[in-house]
Structure formats: structure tokens, C-alpha cells
Amino acid sequence: MAIATDPPRVDAADSALPRRATRRRPRTLGAWGAVAPLLIYSGLFLGLPTWALLYEAVRRTDPATGTTSFSAQNLTASWHGIYLTAVWGSVRLSLLTAVISAVVGLLAAQAIAQSRGRFLKQAVLTASGVLANFGGIPLAFCFIAAAGTGGEATGLIREIDPGFALDTFTGLVLVYPYFLIPLMVLATMPALDGLRRQWREAAAGLGGSAWDYWRHVGGPILLPALLGGFVLCFGSSFAAYATAQALTNGTVPLITTRIASVLSGNVLAGQENLGMAMSLNTIIVCALMMAVYLPLRARSAKWLDR
């Protein structure tokens, strides 16, 4: 006669452990699977070109013997002479246009944020998204066609600056904010929209003035977004090439136009590796700008998401 026995008891905590482990694996694989296309794309179209630039920047070929060697001579030469002058020219242009665009863009974004017209706000944001990507040859052609060398607008500017021309450093300072100001508007609008009306009312209820509110509440919250927009404008101006080339034809010393001259052989033949070293320097500067921008953006989003 068979004796019925109870099945072995399994503790609930012990049975939950393998289940949790098996449940976490698909989630982990699913997360990596979702990110895999972006990682592959970044590796192919960002990582490989950067590695190629680094390889070509440190490679030198002897024109007499054809032997190849590796040294830091190209990188060292890219920070001296006319190439260093081009770097400082781009830094000056980027700083000046970024300051102008940051101030004007912040004022414009504040006016848009306070506007009650929803259609106007959407129209301005859409136009800003288009104009922020309108640099290059089309923008240069528009300014040449509108102002030219003897237009009415050019004559008015020459009453203040007699030496003004579109193909000079001052001309670039006038043209670049056309696509940098919309970029600043797009960078600061989310922060301005995130300011709560309750914060202003609370400051007023505690006896604070408008200046106290912007000094202790609104200003510290907007500062990361403002600095982030400034960094974006600086990086966009520093990396711009087509607008400056179309307007000045390389007469204004800028790092981007100098790279194009070296790669095309307009300066010295056989200096392509030096151009690669200058391109690598530009990537490093832009990467530093993004390294500054991302923490500022994250800090601003932390306050605005509350």
C-alpha cells in the first residue's frame, strides 16, 4: 500500500530568487538591444573618422624616400605660426558672436515665453528651428544679395564703421548671429517655460521684489541653461565653415578655412597630414564645449522637472 507523502516545501524567498534573476536578464538584453543601433552608428560615423584623423595627424611620409613614420610634429606645427593665428581668429569670432547671440536670444526667448499667443509661440519656435540650420552658402548669398557692397544697409553701417564690408571680420560678426540667435532661443525656451508662476508668487508673498526673485530663484535656475546656450553658440560658430568661406574666400584667418586651404594644397603641397592635425584640434575644442554643455543642461533639467 502506497503511503501518500506531502510534496517538499519550497521557501517563497528561495523560489523568488531565480525568478528575479531570469526576469532581469531579458530586461538587460532589451536595454542593450535598444541602444545597440545608436552605438553602432556612433562607432561607424563618429569613432572611425576620429580614429582616421588621429592616425593621419601623427603620420608623416618622407617625400624623397616614401617611408612613413609617426611623430607629434604635425600636432606641434598646428599650434604655431599662421595656424595658431587662425585658431585665435576663430576663438575671437566665436566668443564675440556667442555673447551677442546669448544676450539677444535670451531677451527674445523671454518675450516669447511671456506671450499668451500659443500660435505665435509655435510659429516662432518653428522658425527658430529652421533658421538655426540656415547657415552656409544660402545665408551668405542672402546677405550678399540684400546688402552687397553698396546697399543702403551697408551705407548705414559704414556711417558708424567706415571700413565695414561683408568679407571682413566685422561682416562675419554681423552674419553669424543670424543662425546663432535662433539656436539660443531653442536652448533657453524650455528653461523659461519651466519657471513656475508659484515661485514668483511665493517670493512676492514673502515680501521679495522682482529683483530678489530673479537674483535668488529665477537667475540661478536659468544660469545653467544660459551658459549651455552660450557654449552651443560658441561651438557652432567655431565649427562653421561654408558661411565664412563664401563671404571672405579665406581672407579672414579662421581655423576652418585654414584647414580647407591646407587640404586643397593652396598653402603648401603635401601638407594634408597637417590639415588632419588641425581638424583633430577642432574636434577636441568642440568636444570640450559639449563636455561643458551636457552637465549644465542636466543641472538645469533637474530643477525644471520638479
C-alpha atoms as a PDB file:
ATOM      1  CA  MET A   1       0.000   0.000   0.000  1.00  0.00           C
ATOM      2  CA  ALA A   2       1.491   3.295  -1.079  1.00  0.00           C
ATOM      3  CA  ILE A   3       1.842   5.943   1.548  1.00  0.00           C
ATOM      4  CA  ALA A   4       0.964   9.461   0.405  1.00  0.00           C
ATOM      5  CA  THR A   5       3.599  11.969   1.237  1.00  0.00           C
ATOM      6  CA  ASP A   6       3.416  15.735   1.030  1.00  0.00           C
ATOM      7  CA  PRO A   7       5.485  17.379  -1.711  1.00  0.00           C
ATOM      8  CA  PRO A   8       8.642  19.075  -0.489  1.00  0.00           C
ATOM      9  CA  ARG A   9       8.014  22.610   0.644  1.00  0.00           C
ATOM     10  CA  VAL A  10       9.944  25.321  -1.103  1.00  0.00           C
ATOM     11  CA  ASP A  11      10.509  28.586   0.643  1.00  0.00           C
ATOM     12  CA  ALA A  12       8.921  31.540  -1.172  1.00  0.00           C
ATOM     13  CA  ALA A  13      12.057  33.620  -0.794  1.00  0.00           C
ATOM     14  CA  ASP A  14      14.203  30.852  -2.322  1.00  0.00           C
ATOM     15  CA  SER A  15      11.866  30.417  -5.259  1.00  0.00           C
ATOM     16  CA  ALA A  16      11.741  34.151  -5.918  1.00  0.00           C
ATOM     17  CA  LEU A  17      15.498  34.484  -6.375  1.00  0.00           C
ATOM     18  CA  PRO A  18      15.824  32.537  -9.647  1.00  0.00           C
ATOM     19  CA  ARG A  19      12.673  34.132 -10.953  1.00  0.00           C
ATOM     20  CA  ARG A  20      14.052  37.605 -10.346  1.00  0.00           C
ATOM     21  CA  ALA A  21      17.318  36.650 -11.963  1.00  0.00           C
ATOM     22  CA  THR A  22      15.582  35.291 -15.023  1.00  0.00           C
ATOM     23  CA  ARG A  23      13.392  38.364 -15.246  1.00  0.00           C
ATOM     24  CA  ARG A  24      16.307  40.799 -15.118  1.00  0.00           C
ATOM     25  CA  ARG A  25      18.216  39.201 -17.974  1.00  0.00           C
ATOM     26  CA  PRO A  26      15.653  39.922 -20.703  1.00  0.00           C
ATOM     27  CA  ARG A  27      15.315  43.487 -19.478  1.00  0.00           C
ATOM     28  CA  THR A  28      19.061  43.993 -19.586  1.00  0.00           C
ATOM     29  CA  LEU A  29      19.315  42.462 -23.027  1.00  0.00           C
ATOM     30  CA  GLY A  30      16.370  44.535 -24.196  1.00  0.00           C
ATOM     31  CA  ALA A  31      18.027  47.758 -22.988  1.00  0.00           C
ATOM     32  CA  TRP A  32      21.301  46.934 -24.733  1.00  0.00           C
ATOM     33  CA  GLY A  33      19.402  45.903 -27.831  1.00  0.00           C
ATOM     34  CA  ALA A  34      17.652  49.261 -27.932  1.00  0.00           C
ATOM     35  CA  VAL A  35      20.927  51.163 -27.547  1.00  0.00           C
ATOM     36  CA  ALA A  36      22.909  48.946 -29.943  1.00  0.00           C
ATOM     37  CA  PRO A  37      21.888  50.789 -33.168  1.00  0.00           C
ATOM     38  CA  LEU A  38      22.984  54.119 -31.699  1.00  0.00           C
ATOM     39  CA  LEU A  39      26.293  52.650 -30.502  1.00  0.00           C
ATOM     40  CA  ILE A  40      26.947  51.064 -33.899  1.00  0.00           C
ATOM     41  CA  TYR A  41      26.072  54.296 -35.710  1.00  0.00           C
ATOM     42  CA  SER A  42      28.308  56.366 -33.396  1.00  0.00           C
ATOM     43  CA  GLY A  43      31.170  53.935 -33.786  1.00  0.00           C
ATOM     44  CA  LEU A  44      30.975  53.876 -37.580  1.00  0.00           C
ATOM     45  CA  PHE A  45      30.302  57.522 -38.362  1.00  0.00           C
ATOM     46  CA  LEU A  46      31.987  59.238 -35.385  1.00  0.00           C
ATOM     47  CA  GLY A  47      34.533  56.844 -33.943  1.00  0.00           C
ATOM     48  CA  LEU A  48      36.142  55.632 -37.176  1.00  0.00           C
ATOM     49  CA  PRO A  49      36.571  59.137 -38.733  1.00  0.00           C
ATOM     50  CA  THR A  50      38.084  60.400 -35.478  1.00  0.00           C
ATOM     51  CA  TRP A  51      40.488  57.473 -35.382  1.00  0.00           C
ATOM     52  CA  ALA A  52      41.413  58.114 -39.023  1.00  0.00           C
ATOM     53  CA  LEU A  53      42.118  61.778 -38.229  1.00  0.00           C
ATOM     54  CA  LEU A  54      44.312  60.781 -35.295  1.00  0.00           C
ATOM     55  CA  TYR A  55      46.199  58.258 -37.427  1.00  0.00           C
ATOM     56  CA  GLU A  56      46.799  60.712 -40.248  1.00  0.00           C
ATOM     57  CA  ALA A  57      47.714  63.517 -37.832  1.00  0.00           C
ATOM     58  CA  VAL A  58      50.638  61.590 -36.351  1.00  0.00           C
ATOM     59  CA  ARG A  59      51.775  60.045 -39.655  1.00  0.00           C
ATOM     60  CA  ARG A  60      54.492  61.613 -41.785  1.00  0.00           C
ATOM     61  CA  THR A  61      55.716  60.477 -45.190  1.00  0.00           C
ATOM     62  CA  ASP A  62      59.172  61.392 -46.455  1.00  0.00           C
ATOM     63  CA  PRO A  63      58.697  62.800 -49.987  1.00  0.00           C
ATOM     64  CA  ALA A  64      62.197  61.656 -51.032  1.00  0.00           C
ATOM     65  CA  THR A  65      62.180  58.077 -49.803  1.00  0.00           C
ATOM     66  CA  GLY A  66      58.442  57.487 -49.344  1.00  0.00           C
ATOM     67  CA  THR A  67      58.987  55.996 -45.888  1.00  0.00           C
ATOM     68  CA  THR A  68      56.299  56.509 -43.261  1.00  0.00           C
ATOM     69  CA  SER A  69      56.980  57.443 -39.664  1.00  0.00           C
ATOM     70  CA  PHE A  70      54.880  58.506 -36.685  1.00  0.00           C
ATOM     71  CA  SER A  71      55.554  61.614 -34.635  1.00  0.00           C
ATOM     72  CA  ALA A  72      53.817  64.584 -32.995  1.00  0.00           C
ATOM     73  CA  GLN A  73      55.389  67.070 -35.408  1.00  0.00           C
ATOM     74  CA  ASN A  74      52.128  67.784 -37.229  1.00  0.00           C
ATOM     75  CA  LEU A  75      50.289  68.369 -33.963  1.00  0.00           C
ATOM     76  CA  THR A  76      53.029  70.701 -32.771  1.00  0.00           C
ATOM     77  CA  ALA A  77      53.087  72.659 -36.035  1.00  0.00           C
ATOM     78  CA  SER A  78      49.294  73.086 -35.939  1.00  0.00           C
ATOM     79  CA  TRP A  79      49.673  75.314 -32.842  1.00  0.00           C
ATOM     80  CA  HIS A  80      52.312  77.651 -34.279  1.00  0.00           C
ATOM     81  CA  GLY A  81      52.577  80.401 -36.868  1.00  0.00           C
ATOM     82  CA  ILE A  82      49.670  81.146 -39.162  1.00  0.00           C
ATOM     83  CA  TYR A  83      47.773  78.129 -37.845  1.00  0.00           C
ATOM     84  CA  LEU A  84      47.794  79.484 -34.295  1.00  0.00           C
ATOM     85  CA  THR A  85      46.624  82.836 -35.684  1.00  0.00           C
ATOM     86  CA  ALA A  86      43.708  81.055 -37.343  1.00  0.00           C
ATOM     87  CA  VAL A  87      42.793  79.348 -34.068  1.00  0.00           C
ATOM     88  CA  TRP A  88      42.750  82.666 -32.197  1.00  0.00           C
ATOM     89  CA  GLY A  89      40.734  84.238 -35.004  1.00  0.00           C
ATOM     90  CA  SER A  90      38.073  81.549 -34.654  1.00  0.00           C
ATOM     91  CA  VAL A  91      38.100  81.889 -30.857  1.00  0.00           C
ATOM     92  CA  ARG A  92      37.632  85.682 -31.059  1.00  0.00           C
ATOM     93  CA  LEU A  93      34.844  85.389 -33.609  1.00  0.00           C
ATOM     94  CA  SER A  94      33.120  82.640 -31.636  1.00  0.00           C
ATOM     95  CA  LEU A  95      33.302  84.485 -28.318  1.00  0.00           C
ATOM     96  CA  LEU A  96      32.010  87.756 -29.756  1.00  0.00           C
ATOM     97  CA  THR A  97      29.151  86.236 -31.738  1.00  0.00           C
ATOM     98  CA  ALA A  98      28.228  83.899 -28.867  1.00  0.00           C
ATOM     99  CA  VAL A  99      27.953  86.824 -26.426  1.00  0.00           C
ATOM    100  CA  ILE A 100      25.794  88.823 -28.866  1.00  0.00           C
ATOM    101  CA  SER A 101      23.600  85.834 -29.635  1.00  0.00           C
ATOM    102  CA  ALA A 102      23.256  84.874 -25.959  1.00  0.00           C
ATOM    103  CA  VAL A 103      22.052  88.328 -24.923  1.00  0.00           C
ATOM    104  CA  VAL A 104      19.690  88.891 -27.860  1.00  0.00           C
ATOM    105  CA  GLY A 105      18.461  85.294 -27.854  1.00  0.00           C
ATOM    106  CA  LEU A 106      17.688  85.347 -24.132  1.00  0.00           C
ATOM    107  CA  LEU A 107      15.687  88.581 -24.443  1.00  0.00           C
ATOM    108  CA  ALA A 108      13.796  87.184 -27.437  1.00  0.00           C
ATOM    109  CA  ALA A 109      13.089  83.893 -25.652  1.00  0.00           C
ATOM    110  CA  GLN A 110      11.841  85.764 -22.580  1.00  0.00           C
ATOM    111  CA  ALA A 111       9.460  87.824 -24.720  1.00  0.00           C
ATOM    112  CA  ILE A 112       8.177  84.672 -26.418  1.00  0.00           C
ATOM    113  CA  ALA A 113       7.749  82.832 -23.104  1.00  0.00           C
ATOM    114  CA  GLN A 114       5.659  85.676 -21.670  1.00  0.00           C
ATOM    115  CA  SER A 115       3.491  85.851 -24.775  1.00  0.00           C
ATOM    116  CA  ARG A 116      -0.023  84.471 -24.352  1.00  0.00           C
ATOM    117  CA  GLY A 117      -0.454  83.656 -28.027  1.00  0.00           C
ATOM    118  CA  ARG A 118       0.057  79.933 -28.431  1.00  0.00           C
ATOM    119  CA  PHE A 119       0.103  80.135 -32.227  1.00  0.00           C
ATOM    120  CA  LEU A 120       2.739  82.901 -32.137  1.00  0.00           C
ATOM    121  CA  LYS A 121       4.933  80.858 -29.813  1.00  0.00           C
ATOM    122  CA  GLN A 122       4.713  77.767 -32.003  1.00  0.00           C
ATOM    123  CA  ALA A 123       5.390  79.803 -35.136  1.00  0.00           C
ATOM    124  CA  VAL A 124       8.465  81.447 -33.605  1.00  0.00           C
ATOM    125  CA  LEU A 125       9.839  78.137 -32.343  1.00  0.00           C
ATOM    126  CA  THR A 126       9.321  76.535 -35.747  1.00  0.00           C
ATOM    127  CA  ALA A 127      11.044  79.441 -37.466  1.00  0.00           C
ATOM    128  CA  SER A 128      13.901  79.259 -34.956  1.00  0.00           C
ATOM    129  CA  GLY A 129      14.392  75.580 -35.722  1.00  0.00           C
ATOM    130  CA  VAL A 130      14.632  76.371 -39.435  1.00  0.00           C
ATOM    131  CA  LEU A 131      16.860  79.442 -39.104  1.00  0.00           C
ATOM    132  CA  ALA A 132      19.233  77.712 -36.682  1.00  0.00           C
ATOM    133  CA  ASN A 133      20.168  75.385 -39.578  1.00  0.00           C
ATOM    134  CA  PHE A 134      20.197  78.068 -42.271  1.00  0.00           C
ATOM    135  CA  GLY A 135      23.918  78.773 -42.187  1.00  0.00           C
ATOM    136  CA  GLY A 136      26.279  78.142 -45.043  1.00  0.00           C
ATOM    137  CA  ILE A 137      26.234  79.311 -48.645  1.00  0.00           C
ATOM    138  CA  PRO A 138      22.476  80.163 -48.737  1.00  0.00           C
ATOM    139  CA  LEU A 139      22.912  82.535 -45.792  1.00  0.00           C
ATOM    140  CA  ALA A 140      25.970  84.163 -47.372  1.00  0.00           C
ATOM    141  CA  PHE A 141      24.110  84.602 -50.665  1.00  0.00           C
ATOM    142  CA  CYS A 142      21.145  86.208 -48.863  1.00  0.00           C
ATOM    143  CA  PHE A 143      23.378  88.786 -47.185  1.00  0.00           C
ATOM    144  CA  ILE A 144      25.309  89.494 -50.378  1.00  0.00           C
ATOM    145  CA  ALA A 145      22.073  89.941 -52.315  1.00  0.00           C
ATOM    146  CA  ALA A 146      20.447  92.070 -49.595  1.00  0.00           C
ATOM    147  CA  ALA A 147      23.380  94.238 -48.519  1.00  0.00           C
ATOM    148  CA  GLY A 148      26.145  93.702 -51.062  1.00  0.00           C
ATOM    149  CA  THR A 149      28.973  96.218 -51.204  1.00  0.00           C
ATOM    150  CA  GLY A 150      26.941  99.348 -51.893  1.00  0.00           C
ATOM    151  CA  GLY A 151      23.476  98.689 -50.486  1.00  0.00           C
ATOM    152  CA  GLU A 152      21.507 101.022 -48.289  1.00  0.00           C
ATOM    153  CA  ALA A 153      22.068  98.879 -45.190  1.00  0.00           C
ATOM    154  CA  THR A 154      25.800  98.768 -45.871  1.00  0.00           C
ATOM    155  CA  GLY A 155      25.865 102.559 -46.223  1.00  0.00           C
ATOM    156  CA  LEU A 156      24.158 102.980 -42.843  1.00  0.00           C
ATOM    157  CA  ILE A 157      26.652 100.662 -41.175  1.00  0.00           C
ATOM    158  CA  ARG A 158      29.588 102.482 -42.796  1.00  0.00           C
ATOM    159  CA  GLU A 159      28.459 105.708 -41.161  1.00  0.00           C
ATOM    160  CA  ILE A 160      29.400 104.029 -37.878  1.00  0.00           C
ATOM    161  CA  ASP A 161      32.269 101.860 -39.164  1.00  0.00           C
ATOM    162  CA  PRO A 162      33.776 103.306 -42.378  1.00  0.00           C
ATOM    163  CA  GLY A 163      35.766 100.151 -43.030  1.00  0.00           C
ATOM    164  CA  PHE A 164      32.803  97.780 -42.856  1.00  0.00           C
ATOM    165  CA  ALA A 165      32.431  95.091 -45.524  1.00  0.00           C
ATOM    166  CA  LEU A 166      30.842  91.674 -45.566  1.00  0.00           C
ATOM    167  CA  ASP A 167      34.137  89.995 -46.435  1.00  0.00           C
ATOM    168  CA  THR A 168      35.839  91.202 -43.233  1.00  0.00           C
ATOM    169  CA  PHE A 169      35.845  90.102 -39.609  1.00  0.00           C
ATOM    170  CA  THR A 170      33.152  92.678 -38.809  1.00  0.00           C
ATOM    171  CA  GLY A 171      30.985  91.310 -41.603  1.00  0.00           C
ATOM    172  CA  LEU A 172      31.166  87.823 -40.119  1.00  0.00           C
ATOM    173  CA  VAL A 173      30.195  89.240 -36.718  1.00  0.00           C
ATOM    174  CA  LEU A 174      27.088  90.680 -38.382  1.00  0.00           C
ATOM    175  CA  VAL A 175      26.165  87.497 -40.274  1.00  0.00           C
ATOM    176  CA  TYR A 176      26.810  84.729 -37.722  1.00  0.00           C
ATOM    177  CA  PRO A 177      24.143  85.806 -35.169  1.00  0.00           C
ATOM    178  CA  TYR A 178      21.511  85.237 -37.875  1.00  0.00           C
ATOM    179  CA  PHE A 179      21.681  81.480 -37.186  1.00  0.00           C
ATOM    180  CA  LEU A 180      23.087  81.652 -33.639  1.00  0.00           C
ATOM    181  CA  ILE A 181      20.253  83.720 -32.112  1.00  0.00           C
ATOM    182  CA  PRO A 182      17.578  81.139 -33.105  1.00  0.00           C
ATOM    183  CA  LEU A 183      19.837  78.444 -31.644  1.00  0.00           C
ATOM    184  CA  MET A 184      19.971  80.391 -28.369  1.00  0.00           C
ATOM    185  CA  VAL A 185      16.178  80.741 -28.380  1.00  0.00           C
ATOM    186  CA  LEU A 186      15.762  76.978 -28.765  1.00  0.00           C
ATOM    187  CA  ALA A 187      18.293  76.307 -25.991  1.00  0.00           C
ATOM    188  CA  THR A 188      16.703  78.638 -23.407  1.00  0.00           C
ATOM    189  CA  MET A 189      12.980  78.323 -24.152  1.00  0.00           C
ATOM    190  CA  PRO A 190      12.491  75.058 -22.182  1.00  0.00           C
ATOM    191  CA  ALA A 191      14.097  76.645 -19.107  1.00  0.00           C
ATOM    192  CA  LEU A 192      11.954  79.776 -19.372  1.00  0.00           C
ATOM    193  CA  ASP A 193       8.794  77.722 -19.861  1.00  0.00           C
ATOM    194  CA  GLY A 194       9.721  75.622 -16.821  1.00  0.00           C
ATOM    195  CA  LEU A 195       9.724  78.552 -14.403  1.00  0.00           C
ATOM    196  CA  ARG A 196       6.698  78.123 -12.152  1.00  0.00           C
ATOM    197  CA  ARG A 197       4.360  81.009 -11.542  1.00  0.00           C
ATOM    198  CA  GLN A 198       4.032  79.789  -7.953  1.00  0.00           C
ATOM    199  CA  TRP A 199       7.686  80.579  -7.354  1.00  0.00           C
ATOM    200  CA  ARG A 200       7.178  84.220  -8.265  1.00  0.00           C
ATOM    201  CA  GLU A 201       4.011  84.390  -6.186  1.00  0.00           C
ATOM    202  CA  ALA A 202       5.774  82.816  -3.213  1.00  0.00           C
ATOM    203  CA  ALA A 203       8.627  85.325  -3.482  1.00  0.00           C
ATOM    204  CA  ALA A 204       6.141  88.206  -3.631  1.00  0.00           C
ATOM    205  CA  GLY A 205       4.214  86.787  -0.659  1.00  0.00           C
ATOM    206  CA  LEU A 206       7.406  86.761   1.381  1.00  0.00           C
ATOM    207  CA  GLY A 207       7.988  90.418   0.580  1.00  0.00           C
ATOM    208  CA  GLY A 208      10.566  89.940  -2.165  1.00  0.00           C
ATOM    209  CA  SER A 209      10.787  92.242  -5.166  1.00  0.00           C
ATOM    210  CA  ALA A 210      11.187  91.241  -8.793  1.00  0.00           C
ATOM    211  CA  TRP A 211      14.937  91.749  -8.463  1.00  0.00           C
ATOM    212  CA  ASP A 212      15.022  89.440  -5.420  1.00  0.00           C
ATOM    213  CA  TYR A 213      13.118  86.773  -7.339  1.00  0.00           C
ATOM    214  CA  TRP A 214      15.486  86.831 -10.321  1.00  0.00           C
ATOM    215  CA  ARG A 215      18.533  87.044  -8.069  1.00  0.00           C
ATOM    216  CA  HIS A 216      17.712  84.169  -5.730  1.00  0.00           C
ATOM    217  CA  VAL A 217      15.255  81.960  -7.680  1.00  0.00           C
ATOM    218  CA  GLY A 218      14.896  82.593 -11.405  1.00  0.00           C
ATOM    219  CA  GLY A 219      18.505  83.568 -12.095  1.00  0.00           C
ATOM    220  CA  PRO A 220      20.200  80.517 -10.510  1.00  0.00           C
ATOM    221  CA  ILE A 221      17.751  78.191 -12.296  1.00  0.00           C
ATOM    222  CA  LEU A 222      18.237  79.874 -15.689  1.00  0.00           C
ATOM    223  CA  LEU A 223      22.014  80.239 -15.367  1.00  0.00           C
ATOM    224  CA  PRO A 224      22.890  76.652 -16.413  1.00  0.00           C
ATOM    225  CA  ALA A 225      20.587  76.899 -19.449  1.00  0.00           C
ATOM    226  CA  LEU A 226      22.035  80.314 -20.331  1.00  0.00           C
ATOM    227  CA  LEU A 227      25.617  79.087 -20.073  1.00  0.00           C
ATOM    228  CA  GLY A 228      24.700  75.950 -22.011  1.00  0.00           C
ATOM    229  CA  GLY A 229      23.196  78.022 -24.813  1.00  0.00           C
ATOM    230  CA  PHE A 230      26.311  80.207 -24.860  1.00  0.00           C
ATOM    231  CA  VAL A 231      28.525  77.122 -25.162  1.00  0.00           C
ATOM    232  CA  LEU A 232      26.361  75.797 -28.011  1.00  0.00           C
ATOM    233  CA  CYS A 233      26.618  79.112 -29.851  1.00  0.00           C
ATOM    234  CA  PHE A 234      30.384  79.171 -29.334  1.00  0.00           C
ATOM    235  CA  GLY A 235      30.807  75.641 -30.664  1.00  0.00           C
ATOM    236  CA  SER A 236      28.525  76.238 -33.652  1.00  0.00           C
ATOM    237  CA  SER A 237      30.387  79.421 -34.573  1.00  0.00           C
ATOM    238  CA  PHE A 238      33.791  77.794 -34.090  1.00  0.00           C
ATOM    239  CA  ALA A 239      32.934  74.887 -36.392  1.00  0.00           C
ATOM    240  CA  ALA A 240      31.171  76.948 -39.100  1.00  0.00           C
ATOM    241  CA  TYR A 241      32.927  76.879 -42.463  1.00  0.00           C
ATOM    242  CA  ALA A 242      30.699  77.441 -45.502  1.00  0.00           C
ATOM    243  CA  THR A 243      29.401  80.870 -44.462  1.00  0.00           C
ATOM    244  CA  ALA A 244      32.883  82.258 -43.804  1.00  0.00           C
ATOM    245  CA  GLN A 245      34.325  80.714 -46.956  1.00  0.00           C
ATOM    246  CA  ALA A 246      31.537  82.073 -49.163  1.00  0.00           C
ATOM    247  CA  LEU A 247      31.758  85.581 -47.688  1.00  0.00           C
ATOM    248  CA  THR A 248      35.513  86.049 -47.234  1.00  0.00           C
ATOM    249  CA  ASN A 249      37.062  83.442 -49.577  1.00  0.00           C
ATOM    250  CA  GLY A 250      39.607  82.684 -46.863  1.00  0.00           C
ATOM    251  CA  THR A 251      40.851  86.274 -46.358  1.00  0.00           C
ATOM    252  CA  VAL A 252      39.849  86.243 -42.670  1.00  0.00           C
ATOM    253  CA  PRO A 253      42.115  83.829 -40.731  1.00  0.00           C
ATOM    254  CA  LEU A 254      39.863  81.122 -39.300  1.00  0.00           C
ATOM    255  CA  ILE A 255      40.709  77.561 -38.380  1.00  0.00           C
ATOM    256  CA  THR A 256      38.070  76.019 -40.661  1.00  0.00           C
ATOM    257  CA  THR A 257      39.088  77.961 -43.768  1.00  0.00           C
ATOM    258  CA  ARG A 258      42.763  77.317 -42.986  1.00  0.00           C
ATOM    259  CA  ILE A 259      42.077  73.582 -42.838  1.00  0.00           C
ATOM    260  CA  ALA A 260      40.414  73.746 -46.249  1.00  0.00           C
ATOM    261  CA  SER A 261      43.387  75.651 -47.689  1.00  0.00           C
ATOM    262  CA  VAL A 262      45.880  73.134 -46.350  1.00  0.00           C
ATOM    263  CA  LEU A 263      43.916  70.102 -47.554  1.00  0.00           C
ATOM    264  CA  SER A 264      43.472  71.591 -51.027  1.00  0.00           C
ATOM    265  CA  GLY A 265      47.182  72.446 -51.302  1.00  0.00           C
ATOM    266  CA  ASN A 266      46.713  76.229 -51.547  1.00  0.00           C
ATOM    267  CA  VAL A 267      49.392  76.853 -48.905  1.00  0.00           C
ATOM    268  CA  LEU A 268      51.975  74.113 -49.428  1.00  0.00           C
ATOM    269  CA  ALA A 269      51.696  70.879 -51.351  1.00  0.00           C
ATOM    270  CA  GLY A 270      51.893  67.649 -49.406  1.00  0.00           C
ATOM    271  CA  GLN A 271      50.639  69.120 -46.111  1.00  0.00           C
ATOM    272  CA  GLU A 272      47.465  67.038 -45.886  1.00  0.00           C
ATOM    273  CA  ASN A 273      48.585  65.460 -42.611  1.00  0.00           C
ATOM    274  CA  LEU A 274      48.956  68.923 -41.100  1.00  0.00           C
ATOM    275  CA  GLY A 275      45.374  69.633 -42.114  1.00  0.00           C
ATOM    276  CA  MET A 276      44.323  66.413 -40.370  1.00  0.00           C
ATOM    277  CA  ALA A 277      46.082  67.592 -37.211  1.00  0.00           C
ATOM    278  CA  MET A 278      44.232  70.915 -37.361  1.00  0.00           C
ATOM    279  CA  SER A 279      40.948  69.058 -37.871  1.00  0.00           C
ATOM    280  CA  LEU A 280      41.711  66.948 -34.810  1.00  0.00           C
ATOM    281  CA  ASN A 281      42.300  70.132 -32.802  1.00  0.00           C
ATOM    282  CA  THR A 282      38.898  71.426 -33.899  1.00  0.00           C
ATOM    283  CA  ILE A 283      37.225  68.193 -32.794  1.00  0.00           C
ATOM    284  CA  ILE A 284      38.943  68.466 -29.405  1.00  0.00           C
ATOM    285  CA  VAL A 285      37.704  72.042 -28.927  1.00  0.00           C
ATOM    286  CA  CYS A 286      34.130  71.095 -29.882  1.00  0.00           C
ATOM    287  CA  ALA A 287      34.280  68.044 -27.607  1.00  0.00           C
ATOM    288  CA  LEU A 288      35.339  70.270 -24.710  1.00  0.00           C
ATOM    289  CA  MET A 289      32.398  72.566 -25.451  1.00  0.00           C
ATOM    290  CA  MET A 290      29.998  69.625 -25.330  1.00  0.00           C
ATOM    291  CA  ALA A 291      31.618  68.357 -22.128  1.00  0.00           C
ATOM    292  CA  VAL A 292      30.791  71.716 -20.545  1.00  0.00           C
ATOM    293  CA  TYR A 293      27.285  71.899 -22.057  1.00  0.00           C
ATOM    294  CA  LEU A 294      25.948  68.487 -21.011  1.00  0.00           C
ATOM    295  CA  PRO A 295      26.414  68.915 -17.208  1.00  0.00           C
ATOM    296  CA  LEU A 296      24.882  72.389 -17.398  1.00  0.00           C
ATOM    297  CA  ARG A 297      21.889  71.028 -19.273  1.00  0.00           C
ATOM    298  CA  ALA A 298      21.460  68.199 -16.785  1.00  0.00           C
ATOM    299  CA  ARG A 299      21.636  70.597 -13.842  1.00  0.00           C
ATOM    300  CA  SER A 300      19.002  72.885 -15.355  1.00  0.00           C
ATOM    301  CA  ALA A 301      16.710  69.937 -16.149  1.00  0.00           C
ATOM    302  CA  LYS A 302      16.976  68.709 -12.550  1.00  0.00           C
ATOM    303  CA  TRP A 303      15.356  71.875 -11.255  1.00  0.00           C
ATOM    304  CA  LEU A 304      12.790  72.256 -14.021  1.00  0.00           C
ATOM    305  CA  ASP A 305      11.500  68.684 -13.715  1.00  0.00           C
ATOM    306  CA  ARG A 306      10.479  69.173 -10.097  1.00  0.00           C
END
